[in-house]
Amino acid sequence: MGRILIGINLEFSRHDDKSFTWAIEQAARMGYEYVEPMVHWGHELMSMAGYFHTVSMFDDPKEIAELCAKRNVKCSGISAHCPIVQPDIGVRYLTSAVRWASELGAPIVNTDEGVKADFTDADTDHVLAKYTLTKAAREAERRGVIIGLEQHQIYSKTPEGLDRLYRLVESPAIGINFDTGNSYLAGADPHKWLADVADRVVHVHAKDISVEHSDAERGKVTGTPVGCACGDGVVDWKEIIRICRRLDRDICLSVECGTSEQAARSIEHLKRLV
Protein backbone atom coordinates (compact mmCIF):
# COMPACT_ATOMS: atom_id res chain seq x y z
CA MET A 1 0.00 0.00 0.00
CA GLY A 2 1.38 3.38 -1.03
CA ARG A 3 1.36 6.65 0.87
CA ILE A 4 -0.99 9.60 0.52
CA LEU A 5 1.11 12.72 0.00
CA ILE A 6 -0.16 16.29 0.23
CA GLY A 7 1.11 18.85 -2.25
CA ILE A 8 -0.04 22.00 -3.98
CA ASN A 9 -0.17 23.39 -7.48
CA LEU A 10 1.35 26.85 -7.31
CA GLU A 11 -1.64 28.47 -9.01
CA PHE A 12 -2.82 29.52 -5.53
CA SER A 13 -0.31 32.39 -5.75
CA ARG A 14 -1.84 34.02 -8.84
CA HIS A 15 -4.18 36.01 -6.61
CA ASP A 16 -1.15 37.60 -4.91
CA ASP A 17 0.74 38.53 -8.10
CA LYS A 18 3.93 37.03 -6.71
CA SER A 19 6.88 35.07 -8.09
CA PHE A 20 7.66 31.39 -8.31
CA THR A 21 10.14 31.71 -5.46
CA TRP A 22 7.53 33.42 -3.27
CA ALA A 23 5.01 30.66 -4.04
CA ILE A 24 7.52 27.97 -3.05
CA GLU A 25 8.27 29.77 0.20
CA GLN A 26 4.59 30.18 1.00
CA ALA A 27 3.84 26.53 0.30
CA ALA A 28 6.70 25.42 2.56
CA ARG A 29 5.60 27.80 5.32
CA MET A 30 2.09 26.32 5.25
CA GLY A 31 3.51 22.83 5.70
CA TYR A 32 3.28 21.43 2.18
CA GLU A 33 5.98 18.89 1.42
CA TYR A 34 5.26 18.72 -2.32
CA VAL A 35 4.71 21.36 -4.98
CA GLU A 36 3.66 21.20 -8.62
CA PRO A 37 5.32 23.90 -10.74
CA MET A 38 3.64 25.13 -13.91
CA VAL A 39 5.97 25.50 -16.88
CA HIS A 40 5.96 27.43 -20.12
CA TRP A 41 8.15 27.94 -23.15
CA GLY A 42 10.23 31.02 -23.82
CA HIS A 43 10.40 34.06 -21.58
CA GLU A 44 7.14 35.32 -20.14
CA LEU A 45 7.32 38.96 -19.04
CA MET A 46 5.10 38.73 -15.95
CA SER A 47 7.04 35.72 -14.64
CA MET A 48 10.40 37.34 -15.28
CA ALA A 49 9.23 40.46 -13.44
CA GLY A 50 8.18 38.40 -10.42
CA TYR A 51 4.42 38.87 -10.79
CA PHE A 52 3.54 35.31 -11.86
CA HIS A 53 4.33 31.85 -10.57
CA THR A 54 5.31 29.91 -13.71
CA VAL A 55 8.83 28.94 -14.74
CA SER A 56 10.31 28.64 -18.21
CA MET A 57 11.56 25.38 -19.64
CA PHE A 58 14.39 27.55 -21.01
CA ASP A 59 15.58 27.94 -17.41
CA ASP A 60 17.88 25.43 -15.72
CA PRO A 61 15.76 22.77 -13.97
CA LYS A 62 18.65 22.02 -11.61
CA GLU A 63 18.41 25.58 -10.32
CA ILE A 64 14.71 25.04 -9.60
CA ALA A 65 15.53 21.74 -7.86
CA GLU A 66 18.07 23.53 -5.65
CA LEU A 67 15.52 26.23 -4.79
CA CYS A 68 12.98 23.59 -3.76
CA ALA A 69 15.55 21.68 -1.72
CA LYS A 70 16.45 24.84 0.22
CA ARG A 71 12.78 25.14 1.22
CA ASN A 72 12.51 21.40 2.00
CA VAL A 73 9.88 20.71 -0.64
CA LYS A 74 9.87 18.16 -3.45
CA CYS A 75 8.14 18.29 -6.83
CA SER A 76 5.27 15.82 -7.19
CA GLY A 77 5.17 16.62 -10.90
CA ILE A 78 4.93 19.55 -13.27
CA SER A 79 1.92 21.12 -14.94
CA ALA A 80 2.68 21.15 -18.67
CA HIS A 81 -0.68 21.43 -20.39
CA CYS A 82 -0.48 21.52 -24.16
CA PRO A 83 -2.71 20.48 -27.08
CA ILE A 84 -1.74 16.89 -27.75
CA VAL A 85 -4.32 16.86 -30.56
CA GLN A 86 -2.11 19.44 -32.32
CA PRO A 87 1.21 17.58 -32.76
CA ASP A 88 2.89 20.55 -34.42
CA ILE A 89 2.77 22.10 -30.92
CA GLY A 90 2.25 19.12 -28.63
CA VAL A 91 5.19 16.91 -29.61
CA ARG A 92 7.88 19.51 -29.04
CA TYR A 93 6.23 20.96 -25.95
CA LEU A 94 5.50 17.65 -24.23
CA THR A 95 8.86 16.07 -25.00
CA SER A 96 10.56 19.23 -23.72
CA ALA A 97 8.51 18.96 -20.54
CA VAL A 98 9.46 15.30 -20.09
CA ARG A 99 13.17 16.09 -20.40
CA TRP A 100 12.85 19.12 -18.12
CA ALA A 101 10.94 17.13 -15.48
CA SER A 102 13.57 14.41 -15.56
CA GLU A 103 16.33 16.94 -14.91
CA LEU A 104 14.22 18.54 -12.17
CA GLY A 105 13.59 15.19 -10.50
CA ALA A 106 9.82 15.37 -10.94
CA PRO A 107 8.29 11.98 -11.73
CA ILE A 108 5.13 13.15 -13.50
CA VAL A 109 4.22 15.53 -16.34
CA ASN A 110 0.54 16.51 -16.32
CA THR A 111 -1.23 17.48 -19.54
CA ASP A 112 -4.47 17.09 -21.48
CA GLU A 113 -5.71 16.91 -25.05
CA GLY A 114 -5.78 20.69 -25.24
CA VAL A 115 -7.81 23.01 -27.42
CA LYS A 116 -8.61 21.30 -30.73
CA ALA A 117 -8.21 22.81 -34.15
CA ASP A 118 -11.46 24.02 -35.72
CA PHE A 119 -10.88 22.04 -38.94
CA THR A 120 -10.54 18.48 -37.54
CA ASP A 121 -13.06 15.87 -36.44
CA ALA A 122 -12.90 13.54 -33.45
CA ASP A 123 -11.38 10.58 -35.30
CA THR A 124 -8.64 12.76 -36.78
CA ASP A 125 -7.93 14.31 -33.39
CA HIS A 126 -7.40 10.91 -31.82
CA VAL A 127 -4.96 9.91 -34.56
CA LEU A 128 -3.06 13.14 -33.96
CA ALA A 129 -3.13 12.60 -30.18
CA LYS A 130 -1.79 9.08 -30.64
CA TYR A 131 1.17 10.42 -32.60
CA THR A 132 1.96 13.03 -29.94
CA LEU A 133 1.64 10.60 -27.05
CA THR A 134 3.69 7.92 -28.82
CA LYS A 135 6.58 10.34 -29.34
CA ALA A 136 6.36 11.67 -25.78
CA ALA A 137 5.96 8.23 -24.19
CA ARG A 138 9.12 6.96 -25.87
CA GLU A 139 11.12 9.75 -24.25
CA ALA A 140 9.31 9.38 -20.93
CA GLU A 141 10.01 5.64 -20.76
CA ARG A 142 13.75 6.26 -21.17
CA ARG A 143 13.69 8.70 -18.26
CA GLY A 144 11.30 7.02 -15.83
CA VAL A 145 8.79 9.85 -16.18
CA ILE A 146 5.02 9.32 -16.37
CA ILE A 147 2.65 11.46 -18.43
CA GLY A 148 -0.55 12.13 -16.49
CA LEU A 149 -3.60 12.70 -18.70
CA GLU A 150 -6.09 15.03 -17.05
CA GLN A 151 -9.80 15.63 -17.62
CA HIS A 152 -9.82 19.17 -18.92
CA GLN A 153 -11.09 19.51 -22.47
CA ILE A 154 -13.59 18.30 -25.05
CA TYR A 155 -12.72 14.57 -25.13
CA SER A 156 -11.54 13.82 -21.59
CA LYS A 157 -14.63 15.32 -19.93
CA THR A 158 -16.36 11.91 -19.74
CA PRO A 159 -15.13 8.55 -18.41
CA GLU A 160 -15.48 7.07 -21.90
CA GLY A 161 -13.55 9.93 -23.48
CA LEU A 162 -10.68 9.80 -21.01
CA ASP A 163 -10.52 6.03 -21.40
CA ARG A 164 -10.23 6.35 -25.18
CA LEU A 165 -7.38 8.84 -24.85
CA TYR A 166 -5.58 6.71 -22.29
CA ARG A 167 -5.79 3.59 -24.47
CA LEU A 168 -4.38 5.26 -27.58
CA VAL A 169 -0.83 4.29 -26.55
CA GLU A 170 0.11 1.21 -24.56
CA SER A 171 2.99 2.38 -22.41
CA PRO A 172 4.02 2.31 -18.74
CA ALA A 173 4.73 6.03 -19.20
CA ILE A 174 1.04 6.90 -19.65
CA GLY A 175 -1.16 7.38 -16.58
CA ILE A 176 -4.02 9.54 -15.34
CA ASN A 177 -3.82 12.76 -13.38
CA PHE A 178 -7.30 12.71 -11.87
CA ASP A 179 -8.86 16.15 -11.33
CA THR A 180 -11.70 15.93 -8.80
CA GLY A 181 -13.08 19.37 -9.60
CA ASN A 182 -12.97 19.14 -13.39
CA SER A 183 -14.67 15.75 -13.36
CA TYR A 184 -17.43 17.09 -11.10
CA LEU A 185 -18.04 20.24 -13.16
CA ALA A 186 -18.22 18.20 -16.36
CA GLY A 187 -21.17 16.35 -14.79
CA ALA A 188 -19.66 13.11 -13.48
CA ASP A 189 -19.42 11.68 -9.97
CA PRO A 190 -15.70 12.15 -9.18
CA HIS A 191 -15.70 9.51 -6.45
CA LYS A 192 -17.08 6.76 -8.70
CA TRP A 193 -14.93 7.84 -11.63
CA LEU A 194 -11.78 7.80 -9.50
CA ALA A 195 -12.61 4.34 -8.19
CA ASP A 196 -13.15 3.05 -11.74
CA VAL A 197 -9.73 4.28 -12.99
CA ALA A 198 -7.75 3.99 -9.76
CA ASP A 199 -5.38 1.39 -11.19
CA ARG A 200 -4.24 3.96 -13.77
CA VAL A 201 -4.11 7.05 -11.53
CA VAL A 202 -0.61 8.41 -10.82
CA HIS A 203 -1.43 11.89 -9.45
CA VAL A 204 -4.53 13.74 -8.22
CA HIS A 205 -5.48 17.38 -8.57
CA ALA A 206 -7.25 17.99 -5.27
CA LYS A 207 -9.75 20.57 -6.45
CA ASP A 208 -12.92 21.24 -4.47
CA ILE A 209 -15.92 23.04 -5.95
CA SER A 210 -18.14 25.37 -3.95
CA VAL A 211 -21.90 25.00 -4.06
CA GLU A 212 -22.17 28.40 -5.76
CA HIS A 213 -19.62 27.38 -8.41
CA SER A 214 -21.47 24.11 -8.93
CA ASP A 215 -24.81 25.85 -9.37
CA ALA A 216 -23.33 28.26 -11.91
CA GLU A 217 -21.24 25.95 -14.09
CA ARG A 218 -21.82 22.23 -13.54
CA GLY A 219 -22.60 20.58 -16.84
CA LYS A 220 -21.65 23.71 -18.76
CA VAL A 221 -17.83 23.56 -18.63
CA THR A 222 -15.11 20.94 -18.96
CA GLY A 223 -12.83 22.32 -16.27
CA THR A 224 -11.77 25.29 -14.22
CA PRO A 225 -8.35 26.70 -13.26
CA VAL A 226 -8.84 26.49 -9.50
CA GLY A 227 -11.43 25.55 -6.91
CA CYS A 228 -12.24 26.55 -3.35
CA ALA A 229 -10.47 25.32 -0.21
CA CYS A 230 -10.59 21.55 0.22
CA GLY A 231 -13.40 20.84 2.67
CA ASP A 232 -15.46 23.88 1.70
CA GLY A 233 -17.10 22.31 -1.33
CA VAL A 234 -18.89 19.28 -2.72
CA VAL A 235 -16.01 16.76 -2.85
CA ASP A 236 -15.93 14.02 -0.20
CA TRP A 237 -12.23 14.00 0.64
CA LYS A 238 -12.56 11.13 3.06
CA GLU A 239 -13.80 8.97 0.18
CA ILE A 240 -11.14 10.24 -2.24
CA ILE A 241 -8.44 9.31 0.27
CA ARG A 242 -10.03 5.93 0.96
CA ILE A 243 -9.87 5.07 -2.75
CA CYS A 244 -6.26 6.23 -3.09
CA ARG A 245 -5.17 4.25 -0.02
CA ARG A 246 -5.98 1.01 -1.83
CA LEU A 247 -3.28 1.59 -4.41
CA ASP A 248 0.20 0.08 -4.32
CA ARG A 249 1.88 3.38 -5.19
CA ASP A 250 2.27 6.79 -3.61
CA ILE A 251 -0.37 9.28 -4.70
CA CYS A 252 0.04 13.02 -4.24
CA LEU A 253 -3.07 15.08 -3.65
CA SER A 254 -1.95 18.32 -5.32
CA VAL A 255 -4.28 21.05 -4.09
CA GLU A 256 -5.65 23.47 -6.71
CA CYS A 257 -7.26 26.49 -5.10
CA GLY A 258 -7.43 30.20 -5.73
CA THR A 259 -5.78 31.99 -2.79
CA SER A 260 -3.13 31.59 -0.11
CA GLU A 261 -5.81 31.56 2.57
CA GLN A 262 -7.57 28.67 0.82
CA ALA A 263 -4.27 26.85 0.46
CA ALA A 264 -3.64 27.09 4.21
CA ARG A 265 -7.12 25.79 5.05
CA SER A 266 -6.85 23.00 2.47
CA ILE A 267 -3.74 21.46 4.00
CA GLU A 268 -5.26 21.57 7.48
CA HIS A 269 -8.39 19.79 6.26
CA LEU A 270 -6.50 17.12 4.31
CA LYS A 271 -3.97 16.51 7.09
CA ARG A 272 -6.79 15.68 9.51
CA LEU A 273 -8.06 13.02 7.10
CA VAL A 274 -4.71 11.61 6.00
Foldseek 3Di string as FASTA:
>chain_A
DAAEAAAAELQQCLVVQFEQLVSLLLRLVLPHQEYAAEEDADDDVSRVVGRDNHYYLVDQLVVVLVSNVVSNHAYQYYEQEDQQLPLVTLQVSLLSRLVSCLRNVHQEYEYENDDHDPPDDPVSSLVSSLVSCVNNLVSNVVRNHAYAYEFADDQSQDLVSVVSSQPSDDHPRYAHAYECQLNQQLPHHSLVSCLVRVQRHAEYAQAFAAPVRSVVGRNNHRDDQGHFAPPRHDDDVLSVVVSNVVDPYYYYHHYGHHHSVSVSRNVVVVVVND
